[in-house]
C-alpha atoms as a PDB file:
ATOM      1  CA  MET A   1      88.124 178.303  89.764  1.00  0.00           C
ATOM      2  CA  ALA A   2      86.040 180.470  92.158  1.00  0.00           C
ATOM      3  CA  PHE A   3      84.107 183.339  90.824  1.00  0.00           C
ATOM      4  CA  PRO A   4      85.224 186.886  92.110  1.00  0.00           C
ATOM      5  CA  GLY A   5      83.242 187.597  95.213  1.00  0.00           C
ATOM      6  CA  ALA A   6      82.105 184.017  95.652  1.00  0.00           C
ATOM      7  CA  MET A   7      83.776 183.687  99.118  1.00  0.00           C
ATOM      8  CA  GLU A   8      82.200 186.997 100.232  1.00  0.00           C
ATOM      9  CA  ASN A   9      78.806 185.622  99.189  1.00  0.00           C
ATOM     10  CA  LEU A  10      79.329 182.405 101.157  1.00  0.00           C
ATOM     11  CA  SER A  11      80.406 184.406 104.098  1.00  0.00           C
ATOM     12  CA  ASP A  12      77.246 186.594 103.896  1.00  0.00           C
ATOM     13  CA  ILE A  13      75.050 183.440 103.623  1.00  0.00           C
ATOM     14  CA  ARG A  14      76.618 182.011 106.783  1.00  0.00           C
ATOM     15  CA  TYR A  15      76.293 185.372 108.515  1.00  0.00           C
ATOM     16  CA  THR A  16      72.584 185.502 107.585  1.00  0.00           C
ATOM     17  CA  ALA A  17      72.008 181.947 108.738  1.00  0.00           C
ATOM     18  CA  ASN A  18      73.580 182.569 112.078  1.00  0.00           C
ATOM     19  CA  LYS A  19      71.623 185.810 112.592  1.00  0.00           C
ATOM     20  CA  LEU A  20      68.385 184.168 111.793  1.00  0.00           C
ATOM     21  CA  ILE A  21      69.008 181.284 114.140  1.00  0.00           C
ATOM     22  CA  PHE A  22      70.270 183.652 116.943  1.00  0.00           C
ATOM     23  CA  SER A  23      66.978 185.713 116.399  1.00  0.00           C
ATOM     24  CA  SER A  24      64.880 182.602 116.468  1.00  0.00           C
ATOM     25  CA  LEU A  25      66.412 181.443 119.808  1.00  0.00           C
ATOM     26  CA  GLU A  26      65.663 184.829 121.275  1.00  0.00           C
ATOM     27  CA  GLU A  27      62.127 184.920 119.998  1.00  0.00           C
ATOM     28  CA  HIS A  28      61.598 181.525 121.624  1.00  0.00           C
ATOM     29  CA  GLY A  29      63.036 182.751 124.904  1.00  0.00           C
ATOM     30  CA  PHE A  30      66.336 180.990 124.754  1.00  0.00           C
ATOM     31  CA  ALA A  31      69.697 182.704 125.521  1.00  0.00           C
ATOM     32  CA  VAL A  32      72.307 183.171 122.927  1.00  0.00           C
ATOM     33  CA  THR A  33      75.212 182.238 124.992  1.00  0.00           C
ATOM     34  CA  PRO A  34      78.784 182.282 123.780  1.00  0.00           C
ATOM     35  CA  HIS A  35      78.940 178.510 123.719  1.00  0.00           C
ATOM     36  CA  ARG A  36      75.760 178.349 121.689  1.00  0.00           C
ATOM     37  CA  LYS A  37      77.221 180.874 119.308  1.00  0.00           C
ATOM     38  CA  VAL A  38      80.324 178.828 118.726  1.00  0.00           C
ATOM     39  CA  ILE A  39      78.291 175.709 118.108  1.00  0.00           C
ATOM     40  CA  ILE A  40      75.895 177.416 115.745  1.00  0.00           C
ATOM     41  CA  ASN A  41      78.628 179.100 113.884  1.00  0.00           C
ATOM     42  CA  ARG A  42      80.287 175.720 113.222  1.00  0.00           C
ATOM     43  CA  ILE A  43      76.999 174.116 112.179  1.00  0.00           C
ATOM     44  CA  CYS A  44      76.439 177.056 109.677  1.00  0.00           C
ATOM     45  CA  GLU A  45      79.984 176.562 108.300  1.00  0.00           C
ATOM     46  CA  GLU A  46      79.462 172.778 107.820  1.00  0.00           C
ATOM     47  CA  LYS A  47      75.695 172.812 106.740  1.00  0.00           C
ATOM     48  CA  LEU A  48      75.826 168.997 106.901  1.00  0.00           C
ATOM     49  CA  VAL A  49      77.224 167.629 110.274  1.00  0.00           C
ATOM     50  CA  LYS A  50      78.083 164.080 109.449  1.00  0.00           C
ATOM     51  CA  ASP A  51      79.273 163.179 112.862  1.00  0.00           C
ATOM     52  CA  ILE A  52      78.239 165.320 115.731  1.00  0.00           C
ATOM     53  CA  GLU A  53      80.766 163.965 118.054  1.00  0.00           C
ATOM     54  CA  GLU A  54      83.672 164.718 115.640  1.00  0.00           C
ATOM     55  CA  THR A  55      82.227 168.165 115.313  1.00  0.00           C
ATOM     56  CA  TRP A  56      82.155 168.524 119.051  1.00  0.00           C
ATOM     57  CA  LEU A  57      85.661 167.200 119.514  1.00  0.00           C
ATOM     58  CA  SER A  58      86.913 169.696 116.853  1.00  0.00           C
ATOM     59  CA  ILE A  59      85.167 172.603 118.742  1.00  0.00           C
ATOM     60  CA  ARG A  60      86.407 171.197 122.045  1.00  0.00           C
ATOM     61  CA  ARG A  61      90.027 171.567 120.963  1.00  0.00           C
ATOM     62  CA  GLN A  62      89.562 175.312 120.896  1.00  0.00           C
ATOM     63  CA  THR A  63      86.976 175.875 123.694  1.00  0.00           C
ATOM     64  CA  THR A  64      85.606 174.338 126.953  1.00  0.00           C
ATOM     65  CA  ILE A  65      82.204 173.498 125.497  1.00  0.00           C
ATOM     66  CA  SER A  66      80.856 170.296 127.166  1.00  0.00           C
ATOM     67  CA  TRP A  67      79.145 167.323 125.390  1.00  0.00           C
ATOM     68  CA  ALA A  68      76.003 168.235 127.245  1.00  0.00           C
ATOM     69  CA  THR A  69      75.999 171.771 125.938  1.00  0.00           C
ATOM     70  CA  MET A  70      76.550 170.419 122.301  1.00  0.00           C
ATOM     71  CA  TYR A  71      73.913 167.826 122.711  1.00  0.00           C
ATOM     72  CA  MET A  72      71.292 170.291 124.169  1.00  0.00           C
ATOM     73  CA  THR A  73      72.012 172.901 121.490  1.00  0.00           C
ATOM     74  CA  VAL A  74      71.683 170.273 118.649  1.00  0.00           C
ATOM     75  CA  ASN A  75      68.376 169.132 120.119  1.00  0.00           C
ATOM     76  CA  LEU A  76      67.154 172.739 120.471  1.00  0.00           C
ATOM     77  CA  LEU A  77      67.959 173.399 116.821  1.00  0.00           C
ATOM     78  CA  ILE A  78      66.053 170.281 115.892  1.00  0.00           C
ATOM     79  CA  LYS A  79      63.123 171.296 117.977  1.00  0.00           C
ATOM     80  CA  LEU A  80      63.036 174.863 116.417  1.00  0.00           C
ATOM     81  CA  GLY A  81      63.284 173.305 112.877  1.00  0.00           C
ATOM     82  CA  TRP A  82      66.885 174.491 112.084  1.00  0.00           C
ATOM     83  CA  LEU A  83      68.485 171.141 111.953  1.00  0.00           C
ATOM     84  CA  VAL A  84      67.029 168.047 110.297  1.00  0.00           C
ATOM     85  CA  PRO A  85      68.354 164.663 111.589  1.00  0.00           C
ATOM     86  CA  GLU A  86      69.039 162.100 108.741  1.00  0.00           C
ATOM     87  CA  LYS A  87      69.713 158.396 109.543  1.00  0.00           C
ATOM     88  CA  VAL A  88      72.795 157.037 107.671  1.00  0.00           C
ATOM     89  CA  GLU A  89      72.221 153.315 107.361  1.00  0.00           C
ATOM     90  CA  ASP A  90      75.666 152.262 106.327  1.00  0.00           C
ATOM     91  CA  ARG A  91      77.176 154.029 109.327  1.00  0.00           C
ATOM     92  CA  ASN A  92      74.411 153.302 111.702  1.00  0.00           C
ATOM     93  CA  LYS A  93      74.654 156.971 112.742  1.00  0.00           C
ATOM     94  CA  THR A  94      72.578 160.188 112.345  1.00  0.00           C
ATOM     95  CA  GLN A  95      73.845 163.145 110.493  1.00  0.00           C
ATOM     96  CA  TYR A  96      72.343 166.681 110.782  1.00  0.00           C
ATOM     97  CA  ARG A  97      71.570 168.932 107.871  1.00  0.00           C
ATOM     98  CA  LEU A  98      71.025 172.706 108.358  1.00  0.00           C
ATOM     99  CA  VAL A  99      67.737 173.677 106.688  1.00  0.00           C
ATOM    100  CA  ASN A 100      68.022 175.738 103.556  1.00  0.00           C
ATOM    101  CA  ILE A 101      67.777 179.533 104.174  1.00  0.00           C
END
């Protein structure tokens, strides 16, 4: 059972994470494009991206975001310290964890 207001609090946290990441991009001279916003919003929702290709395919069903845009945005978030890649041995893949905010 969820506590009253719990969903609003989660929404506020995601909103805060998004805003912090958008501000960080701008501070480092990167544009906050509509496609980057979609990708960052999804990553903030998931917090742990177990399969970046599946996440992209899910986004792709709703938008025209290319794999290159997804790949470059993920690498930019890693470079700026917002995403941490984690190797998953049993799947021979990398998952990406949003840093704690």
